[in-house]
C-alpha cells in the first residue's frame, strides 16, 4: 500500500503537468478571441474600408493558419480563402507572416495620418498580444513532457499491476483479482488521460475544440464587416465539439 501511495503521487505530478498544458492552451485561445475582438473594435477608426476589410480578413487567416500549424497541417492552404495573393507567401511561418503584414499595414496607415499615433499604438499592442498567444501555443506544441519521465511512469505502472495480485493473494484471497482489476483500471485510466491531454491541439476527442473557436472568430470578423450570412456556430457531434 505504501508503494501504491507513492505511485499515485508520482502519477499525480504527471497528470497535473498534462492538464496544465491543456488548460494553458485553452486560455491562450481564449485570449486570442479577446484580442481579436479588441482589434476589431479599435479598427473602427480606420476610414479606408477596403484596408480595414483586408486587415480583419487577415486576422481570420491568422487564426486558421495557427490552428493548422498546431495540427501539423498546411498553414497556407487553411488560410488561403481569407488572404489576398499578395499576403499569402511561401513563408515557413505563415501565421507570423500574417501578423507582420497586418503590422506593416497599420504602420502605413499611421504614416499617412489615416489613424492617430495613439490608435496605432493600441493596434500594435493587440498584435503583440496575438504574437504572445502564438508563442505560448508553439511552446506547448513543441515541448512535450520529457520522454524518460513518461517511460519510467509507464513501466512502473505495468510492473505494479503485474505484481499486485501476488501481494494481495494472501490478505484478500479470491477477491485479489477483483481488487487488482479495479486498481489497475484506475492507474491505467489516469495514464491514458495524461496521454490524451499532453498535446491539446490535435483532432482527438479530448483535444481543444479549436475549430469551434476559429468559427467564433470568423463570425466576429464577418459581423464587423456587415456580412449578413454568418456561418453557424459549430455544434457538438456525439457530445464532442471539435
C-alpha atoms as a PDB file:
ATOM      1  CA  UNK A   1       0.000   0.000   0.000  1.00  0.00           C
ATOM      2  CA  UNK A   2       2.882   2.350   0.717  1.00  0.00           C
ATOM      3  CA  UNK A   3       4.247   1.680  -2.785  1.00  0.00           C
ATOM      4  CA  UNK A   4       0.787   2.301  -4.258  1.00  0.00           C
ATOM      5  CA  UNK A   5       0.577   5.601  -2.393  1.00  0.00           C
ATOM      6  CA  UNK A   6       3.938   6.753  -3.734  1.00  0.00           C
ATOM      7  CA  UNK A   7       2.989   5.700  -7.263  1.00  0.00           C
ATOM      8  CA  UNK A   8      -0.257   7.678  -7.041  1.00  0.00           C
ATOM      9  CA  UNK A   9       1.696  10.792  -6.043  1.00  0.00           C
ATOM     10  CA  UNK A  10       4.089  10.229  -8.942  1.00  0.00           C
ATOM     11  CA  UNK A  11       1.152   9.915 -11.351  1.00  0.00           C
ATOM     12  CA  UNK A  12      -0.492  12.999  -9.905  1.00  0.00           C
ATOM     13  CA  UNK A  13       2.538  15.099 -10.848  1.00  0.00           C
ATOM     14  CA  UNK A  14       2.293  13.972 -14.470  1.00  0.00           C
ATOM     15  CA  UNK A  15      -1.488  14.386 -14.614  1.00  0.00           C
ATOM     16  CA  UNK A  16      -1.194  17.918 -13.275  1.00  0.00           C
ATOM     17  CA  UNK A  17       1.540  18.755 -15.788  1.00  0.00           C
ATOM     18  CA  UNK A  18      -0.541  17.433 -18.706  1.00  0.00           C
ATOM     19  CA  UNK A  19      -3.705  19.194 -17.548  1.00  0.00           C
ATOM     20  CA  UNK A  20      -1.776  22.435 -17.108  1.00  0.00           C
ATOM     21  CA  UNK A  21      -0.689  22.162 -20.751  1.00  0.00           C
ATOM     22  CA  UNK A  22      -4.288  21.588 -21.863  1.00  0.00           C
ATOM     23  CA  UNK A  23      -5.629  24.437 -19.749  1.00  0.00           C
ATOM     24  CA  UNK A  24      -2.861  26.834 -20.771  1.00  0.00           C
ATOM     25  CA  UNK A  25      -3.703  26.112 -24.415  1.00  0.00           C
ATOM     26  CA  UNK A  26      -7.362  26.854 -23.721  1.00  0.00           C
ATOM     27  CA  UNK A  27      -6.500  30.132 -22.005  1.00  0.00           C
ATOM     28  CA  UNK A  28      -4.258  31.103 -24.919  1.00  0.00           C
ATOM     29  CA  UNK A  29      -7.062  30.558 -27.437  1.00  0.00           C
ATOM     30  CA  UNK A  30      -9.480  32.433 -25.204  1.00  0.00           C
ATOM     31  CA  UNK A  31      -7.012  35.313 -25.103  1.00  0.00           C
ATOM     32  CA  UNK A  32      -6.774  35.209 -28.904  1.00  0.00           C
ATOM     33  CA  UNK A  33     -10.531  35.674 -29.212  1.00  0.00           C
ATOM     34  CA  UNK A  34     -10.437  38.576 -26.744  1.00  0.00           C
ATOM     35  CA  UNK A  35      -7.542  40.327 -28.502  1.00  0.00           C
ATOM     36  CA  UNK A  36      -9.091  39.918 -31.958  1.00  0.00           C
ATOM     37  CA  UNK A  37     -12.380  41.359 -30.701  1.00  0.00           C
ATOM     38  CA  UNK A  38     -10.465  44.275 -29.205  1.00  0.00           C
ATOM     39  CA  UNK A  39      -8.634  44.779 -32.504  1.00  0.00           C
ATOM     40  CA  UNK A  40     -11.956  44.765 -34.382  1.00  0.00           C
ATOM     41  CA  UNK A  41     -13.322  47.447 -32.071  1.00  0.00           C
ATOM     42  CA  UNK A  42     -10.206  49.628 -32.333  1.00  0.00           C
ATOM     43  CA  UNK A  43     -10.040  49.212 -36.118  1.00  0.00           C
ATOM     44  CA  UNK A  44     -13.328  51.081 -36.486  1.00  0.00           C
ATOM     45  CA  UNK A  45     -11.193  54.241 -36.614  1.00  0.00           C
ATOM     46  CA  UNK A  46      -9.767  53.170 -40.000  1.00  0.00           C
ATOM     47  CA  UNK A  47     -11.643  55.229 -42.574  1.00  0.00           C
ATOM     48  CA  UNK A  48     -10.466  53.235 -45.598  1.00  0.00           C
ATOM     49  CA  UNK A  49     -12.935  50.352 -45.513  1.00  0.00           C
ATOM     50  CA  UNK A  50     -11.079  48.273 -48.084  1.00  0.00           C
ATOM     51  CA  UNK A  51      -7.910  48.375 -45.978  1.00  0.00           C
ATOM     52  CA  UNK A  52      -9.890  47.615 -42.832  1.00  0.00           C
ATOM     53  CA  UNK A  53     -11.500  44.627 -44.519  1.00  0.00           C
ATOM     54  CA  UNK A  54      -8.097  43.366 -45.666  1.00  0.00           C
ATOM     55  CA  UNK A  55      -6.734  43.669 -42.123  1.00  0.00           C
ATOM     56  CA  UNK A  56      -9.685  41.932 -40.484  1.00  0.00           C
ATOM     57  CA  UNK A  57      -9.753  39.128 -43.022  1.00  0.00           C
ATOM     58  CA  UNK A  58      -6.020  38.688 -42.448  1.00  0.00           C
ATOM     59  CA  UNK A  59      -6.740  38.290 -38.739  1.00  0.00           C
ATOM     60  CA  UNK A  60      -9.141  35.480 -39.557  1.00  0.00           C
ATOM     61  CA  UNK A  61      -6.478  33.969 -41.791  1.00  0.00           C
ATOM     62  CA  UNK A  62      -4.069  34.137 -38.853  1.00  0.00           C
ATOM     63  CA  UNK A  63      -6.452  32.097 -36.689  1.00  0.00           C
ATOM     64  CA  UNK A  64      -6.866  29.488 -39.436  1.00  0.00           C
ATOM     65  CA  UNK A  65      -3.120  29.333 -40.108  1.00  0.00           C
ATOM     66  CA  UNK A  66      -2.184  28.955 -36.442  1.00  0.00           C
ATOM     67  CA  UNK A  67      -4.823  26.262 -35.983  1.00  0.00           C
ATOM     68  CA  UNK A  68      -3.410  24.327 -38.943  1.00  0.00           C
ATOM     69  CA  UNK A  69       0.175  24.760 -37.746  1.00  0.00           C
ATOM     70  CA  UNK A  70      -0.615  23.360 -34.316  1.00  0.00           C
ATOM     71  CA  UNK A  71      -2.166  20.321 -36.009  1.00  0.00           C
ATOM     72  CA  UNK A  72       0.786  19.808 -38.361  1.00  0.00           C
ATOM     73  CA  UNK A  73      -1.386  20.718 -41.347  1.00  0.00           C
ATOM     74  CA  UNK A  74      -0.814  23.106 -44.267  1.00  0.00           C
ATOM     75  CA  UNK A  75      -0.981  26.684 -42.960  1.00  0.00           C
ATOM     76  CA  UNK A  76      -1.231  28.479 -46.293  1.00  0.00           C
ATOM     77  CA  UNK A  77      -3.984  26.214 -47.532  1.00  0.00           C
ATOM     78  CA  UNK A  78      -6.003  26.679 -44.339  1.00  0.00           C
ATOM     79  CA  UNK A  79      -5.762  30.483 -44.561  1.00  0.00           C
ATOM     80  CA  UNK A  80      -5.979  30.865 -48.347  1.00  0.00           C
ATOM     81  CA  UNK A  81      -9.673  31.789 -48.505  1.00  0.00           C
ATOM     82  CA  UNK A  82      -9.106  34.745 -46.153  1.00  0.00           C
ATOM     83  CA  UNK A  83      -5.942  36.242 -47.611  1.00  0.00           C
ATOM     84  CA  UNK A  84      -5.059  38.059 -50.796  1.00  0.00           C
ATOM     85  CA  UNK A  85      -2.475  36.540 -53.118  1.00  0.00           C
ATOM     86  CA  UNK A  86      -0.026  39.280 -52.086  1.00  0.00           C
ATOM     87  CA  UNK A  87      -0.282  38.293 -48.434  1.00  0.00           C
ATOM     88  CA  UNK A  88      -0.130  34.542 -48.995  1.00  0.00           C
ATOM     89  CA  UNK A  89       3.510  33.600 -49.457  1.00  0.00           C
ATOM     90  CA  UNK A  90       5.685  30.536 -49.113  1.00  0.00           C
ATOM     91  CA  UNK A  91       6.882  31.686 -45.690  1.00  0.00           C
ATOM     92  CA  UNK A  92       7.886  28.869 -43.338  1.00  0.00           C
ATOM     93  CA  UNK A  93       5.771  30.549 -40.638  1.00  0.00           C
ATOM     94  CA  UNK A  94       2.586  31.752 -42.327  1.00  0.00           C
ATOM     95  CA  UNK A  95       0.809  32.822 -39.143  1.00  0.00           C
ATOM     96  CA  UNK A  96       3.714  35.051 -38.106  1.00  0.00           C
ATOM     97  CA  UNK A  97       3.975  36.454 -41.639  1.00  0.00           C
ATOM     98  CA  UNK A  98       0.306  37.436 -41.478  1.00  0.00           C
ATOM     99  CA  UNK A  99       0.886  39.393 -38.271  1.00  0.00           C
ATOM    100  CA  UNK A 100       3.857  41.125 -39.921  1.00  0.00           C
ATOM    101  CA  UNK A 101       1.630  42.042 -42.868  1.00  0.00           C
ATOM    102  CA  UNK A 102      -1.020  43.496 -40.558  1.00  0.00           C
ATOM    103  CA  UNK A 103       1.622  45.412 -38.609  1.00  0.00           C
ATOM    104  CA  UNK A 104       3.095  46.867 -41.803  1.00  0.00           C
ATOM    105  CA  UNK A 105      -0.365  47.922 -42.987  1.00  0.00           C
ATOM    106  CA  UNK A 106      -1.097  49.647 -39.676  1.00  0.00           C
ATOM    107  CA  UNK A 107       2.279  51.381 -39.857  1.00  0.00           C
ATOM    108  CA  UNK A 108       1.438  52.769 -43.309  1.00  0.00           C
ATOM    109  CA  UNK A 109      -1.914  53.984 -42.011  1.00  0.00           C
ATOM    110  CA  UNK A 110      -0.163  55.859 -39.199  1.00  0.00           C
ATOM    111  CA  UNK A 111       2.445  57.291 -41.577  1.00  0.00           C
ATOM    112  CA  UNK A 112      -0.278  58.514 -43.934  1.00  0.00           C
ATOM    113  CA  UNK A 113      -2.153  60.037 -40.970  1.00  0.00           C
ATOM    114  CA  UNK A 114      -5.165  57.812 -41.607  1.00  0.00           C
ATOM    115  CA  UNK A 115      -5.103  56.819 -37.932  1.00  0.00           C
ATOM    116  CA  UNK A 116      -3.693  58.662 -34.948  1.00  0.00           C
ATOM    117  CA  UNK A 117      -0.452  57.662 -33.280  1.00  0.00           C
ATOM    118  CA  UNK A 118      -2.373  56.653 -30.175  1.00  0.00           C
ATOM    119  CA  UNK A 119      -4.663  54.400 -32.208  1.00  0.00           C
ATOM    120  CA  UNK A 120      -1.650  52.886 -33.940  1.00  0.00           C
ATOM    121  CA  UNK A 121      -0.013  52.057 -30.614  1.00  0.00           C
ATOM    122  CA  UNK A 122      -3.226  50.398 -29.425  1.00  0.00           C
ATOM    123  CA  UNK A 123      -3.413  48.251 -32.565  1.00  0.00           C
ATOM    124  CA  UNK A 124       0.251  47.294 -32.210  1.00  0.00           C
ATOM    125  CA  UNK A 125      -0.424  46.294 -28.608  1.00  0.00           C
ATOM    126  CA  UNK A 126      -3.178  43.953 -29.834  1.00  0.00           C
ATOM    127  CA  UNK A 127      -0.786  42.432 -32.382  1.00  0.00           C
ATOM    128  CA  UNK A 128       1.867  41.939 -29.711  1.00  0.00           C
ATOM    129  CA  UNK A 129      -0.686  40.073 -27.615  1.00  0.00           C
ATOM    130  CA  UNK A 130      -1.514  37.816 -30.579  1.00  0.00           C
ATOM    131  CA  UNK A 131       2.198  37.160 -31.052  1.00  0.00           C
ATOM    132  CA  UNK A 132       2.389  36.136 -27.409  1.00  0.00           C
ATOM    133  CA  UNK A 133      -0.565  33.772 -27.888  1.00  0.00           C
ATOM    134  CA  UNK A 134       1.183  32.235 -30.883  1.00  0.00           C
ATOM    135  CA  UNK A 135       4.367  31.768 -28.875  1.00  0.00           C
ATOM    136  CA  UNK A 136       2.523  30.092 -25.996  1.00  0.00           C
ATOM    137  CA  UNK A 137       0.810  27.644 -28.345  1.00  0.00           C
ATOM    138  CA  UNK A 138       4.062  26.852 -30.150  1.00  0.00           C
ATOM    139  CA  UNK A 139       5.824  26.257 -26.839  1.00  0.00           C
ATOM    140  CA  UNK A 140       3.154  23.784 -25.744  1.00  0.00           C
ATOM    141  CA  UNK A 141       3.230  22.054 -29.123  1.00  0.00           C
ATOM    142  CA  UNK A 142       6.999  21.723 -29.425  1.00  0.00           C
ATOM    143  CA  UNK A 143       7.874  20.933 -25.799  1.00  0.00           C
ATOM    144  CA  UNK A 144       6.325  17.623 -24.731  1.00  0.00           C
ATOM    145  CA  UNK A 145       6.606  16.008 -21.323  1.00  0.00           C
ATOM    146  CA  UNK A 146      10.195  14.618 -21.083  1.00  0.00           C
ATOM    147  CA  UNK A 147      10.177  11.095 -22.520  1.00  0.00           C
ATOM    148  CA  UNK A 148      12.252   9.429 -19.742  1.00  0.00           C
ATOM    149  CA  UNK A 149       9.736  10.709 -17.195  1.00  0.00           C
ATOM    150  CA  UNK A 150       6.795   9.192 -19.089  1.00  0.00           C
ATOM    151  CA  UNK A 151       8.671   5.972 -19.848  1.00  0.00           C
ATOM    152  CA  UNK A 152       9.575   5.394 -16.203  1.00  0.00           C
ATOM    153  CA  UNK A 153       5.991   6.016 -15.129  1.00  0.00           C
ATOM    154  CA  UNK A 154       4.554   3.637 -17.756  1.00  0.00           C
ATOM    155  CA  UNK A 155       6.912   0.811 -16.827  1.00  0.00           C
ATOM    156  CA  UNK A 156       6.331   1.344 -13.122  1.00  0.00           C
ATOM    157  CA  UNK A 157       2.554   1.170 -13.577  1.00  0.00           C
ATOM    158  CA  UNK A 158       2.730  -2.040 -15.598  1.00  0.00           C
ATOM    159  CA  UNK A 159       5.123  -3.639 -13.119  1.00  0.00           C
ATOM    160  CA  UNK A 160       2.892  -2.641 -10.227  1.00  0.00           C
ATOM    161  CA  UNK A 161      -0.231  -4.066 -11.908  1.00  0.00           C
ATOM    162  CA  UNK A 162       1.568  -7.360 -12.614  1.00  0.00           C
ATOM    163  CA  UNK A 163       2.860  -7.795  -9.054  1.00  0.00           C
ATOM    164  CA  UNK A 164      -0.225  -6.509  -7.227  1.00  0.00           C
ATOM    165  CA  UNK A 165      -2.299  -9.746  -7.374  1.00  0.00           C
ATOM    166  CA  UNK A 166       0.566 -11.726  -5.813  1.00  0.00           C
ATOM    167  CA  UNK A 167       0.812  -9.221  -2.964  1.00  0.00           C
ATOM    168  CA  UNK A 168      -2.965  -9.270  -2.402  1.00  0.00           C
ATOM    169  CA  UNK A 169      -3.463 -13.041  -2.747  1.00  0.00           C
ATOM    170  CA  UNK A 170      -2.974 -13.848   0.939  1.00  0.00           C
ATOM    171  CA  UNK A 171      -4.930 -10.995   2.589  1.00  0.00           C
ATOM    172  CA  UNK A 172      -7.797 -10.917   0.038  1.00  0.00           C
ATOM    173  CA  UNK A 173      -7.967 -14.479  -1.243  1.00  0.00           C
ATOM    174  CA  UNK A 174     -10.311 -14.867  -4.225  1.00  0.00           C
ATOM    175  CA  UNK A 175     -11.055 -11.112  -4.115  1.00  0.00           C
ATOM    176  CA  UNK A 176      -7.464 -10.322  -5.116  1.00  0.00           C
ATOM    177  CA  UNK A 177      -8.181 -10.393  -8.894  1.00  0.00           C
ATOM    178  CA  UNK A 178     -11.180  -8.085  -8.434  1.00  0.00           C
ATOM    179  CA  UNK A 179      -9.175  -5.648  -6.339  1.00  0.00           C
ATOM    180  CA  UNK A 180      -6.310  -5.783  -8.838  1.00  0.00           C
ATOM    181  CA  UNK A 181      -8.664  -5.085 -11.746  1.00  0.00           C
ATOM    182  CA  UNK A 182     -10.127  -2.021 -10.028  1.00  0.00           C
ATOM    183  CA  UNK A 183      -6.737  -0.587  -9.070  1.00  0.00           C
ATOM    184  CA  UNK A 184      -5.236  -1.347 -12.490  1.00  0.00           C
ATOM    185  CA  UNK A 185      -8.193   0.276 -14.253  1.00  0.00           C
ATOM    186  CA  UNK A 186      -7.709   3.419 -12.180  1.00  0.00           C
ATOM    187  CA  UNK A 187      -3.970   3.716 -12.770  1.00  0.00           C
ATOM    188  CA  UNK A 188      -4.108   2.821 -16.469  1.00  0.00           C
ATOM    189  CA  UNK A 189      -7.075   5.155 -16.950  1.00  0.00           C
ATOM    190  CA  UNK A 190      -5.220   8.069 -15.383  1.00  0.00           C
ATOM    191  CA  UNK A 191      -2.209   7.283 -17.551  1.00  0.00           C
ATOM    192  CA  UNK A 192      -4.388   7.317 -20.681  1.00  0.00           C
ATOM    193  CA  UNK A 193      -5.967  10.630 -19.677  1.00  0.00           C
ATOM    194  CA  UNK A 194      -2.496  12.135 -19.297  1.00  0.00           C
ATOM    195  CA  UNK A 195      -1.558  10.973 -22.794  1.00  0.00           C
ATOM    196  CA  UNK A 196      -4.771  12.498 -24.190  1.00  0.00           C
ATOM    197  CA  UNK A 197      -4.209  15.900 -22.572  1.00  0.00           C
ATOM    198  CA  UNK A 198      -0.471  16.193 -23.216  1.00  0.00           C
ATOM    199  CA  UNK A 199      -0.967  17.531 -26.765  1.00  0.00           C
ATOM    200  CA  UNK A 200      -4.154  19.652 -26.667  1.00  0.00           C
ATOM    201  CA  UNK A 201      -4.069  20.787 -30.304  1.00  0.00           C
ATOM    202  CA  UNK A 202      -4.780  17.618 -32.270  1.00  0.00           C
ATOM    203  CA  UNK A 203      -8.000  16.152 -33.643  1.00  0.00           C
ATOM    204  CA  UNK A 204      -8.671  13.577 -30.954  1.00  0.00           C
ATOM    205  CA  UNK A 205     -11.848  13.612 -28.911  1.00  0.00           C
ATOM    206  CA  UNK A 206     -10.344  15.227 -25.817  1.00  0.00           C
ATOM    207  CA  UNK A 207      -8.307  17.871 -27.637  1.00  0.00           C
ATOM    208  CA  UNK A 208      -9.261  21.525 -27.577  1.00  0.00           C
ATOM    209  CA  UNK A 209     -12.153  22.491 -29.901  1.00  0.00           C
ATOM    210  CA  UNK A 210     -10.017  24.944 -31.854  1.00  0.00           C
ATOM    211  CA  UNK A 211     -12.170  24.609 -34.994  1.00  0.00           C
ATOM    212  CA  UNK A 212     -15.133  25.874 -32.975  1.00  0.00           C
ATOM    213  CA  UNK A 213     -13.081  28.784 -31.623  1.00  0.00           C
ATOM    214  CA  UNK A 214     -11.897  29.691 -35.127  1.00  0.00           C
ATOM    215  CA  UNK A 215     -15.557  29.737 -36.186  1.00  0.00           C
ATOM    216  CA  UNK A 216     -16.304  32.200 -33.367  1.00  0.00           C
ATOM    217  CA  UNK A 217     -13.548  34.456 -34.718  1.00  0.00           C
ATOM    218  CA  UNK A 218     -14.949  34.130 -38.246  1.00  0.00           C
ATOM    219  CA  UNK A 219     -18.388  35.242 -37.080  1.00  0.00           C
ATOM    220  CA  UNK A 220     -16.994  38.212 -35.132  1.00  0.00           C
ATOM    221  CA  UNK A 221     -14.982  39.427 -38.107  1.00  0.00           C
ATOM    222  CA  UNK A 222     -17.692  38.893 -40.710  1.00  0.00           C
ATOM    223  CA  UNK A 223     -20.181  40.594 -38.416  1.00  0.00           C
ATOM    224  CA  UNK A 224     -17.864  43.600 -38.139  1.00  0.00           C
ATOM    225  CA  UNK A 225     -17.753  43.704 -41.948  1.00  0.00           C
ATOM    226  CA  UNK A 226     -21.582  43.787 -42.075  1.00  0.00           C
ATOM    227  CA  UNK A 227     -21.848  40.337 -43.599  1.00  0.00           C
ATOM    228  CA  UNK A 228     -25.417  39.072 -43.261  1.00  0.00           C
ATOM    229  CA  UNK A 229     -24.860  35.369 -43.928  1.00  0.00           C
ATOM    230  CA  UNK A 230     -22.739  34.366 -40.976  1.00  0.00           C
ATOM    231  CA  UNK A 231     -21.553  30.758 -40.765  1.00  0.00           C
ATOM    232  CA  UNK A 232     -23.298  28.851 -37.959  1.00  0.00           C
ATOM    233  CA  UNK A 233     -21.527  28.043 -34.741  1.00  0.00           C
ATOM    234  CA  UNK A 234     -20.090  24.553 -34.676  1.00  0.00           C
ATOM    235  CA  UNK A 235     -22.218  22.154 -32.640  1.00  0.00           C
ATOM    236  CA  UNK A 236     -21.116  19.049 -30.725  1.00  0.00           C
ATOM    237  CA  UNK A 237     -21.395  15.760 -32.607  1.00  0.00           C
ATOM    238  CA  UNK A 238     -21.969  12.811 -30.274  1.00  0.00           C
ATOM    239  CA  UNK A 239     -21.228  15.148 -27.359  1.00  0.00           C
ATOM    240  CA  UNK A 240     -17.836  16.060 -28.888  1.00  0.00           C
ATOM    241  CA  UNK A 241     -17.036  19.610 -30.023  1.00  0.00           C
ATOM    242  CA  UNK A 242     -14.086  19.822 -32.395  1.00  0.00           C
END
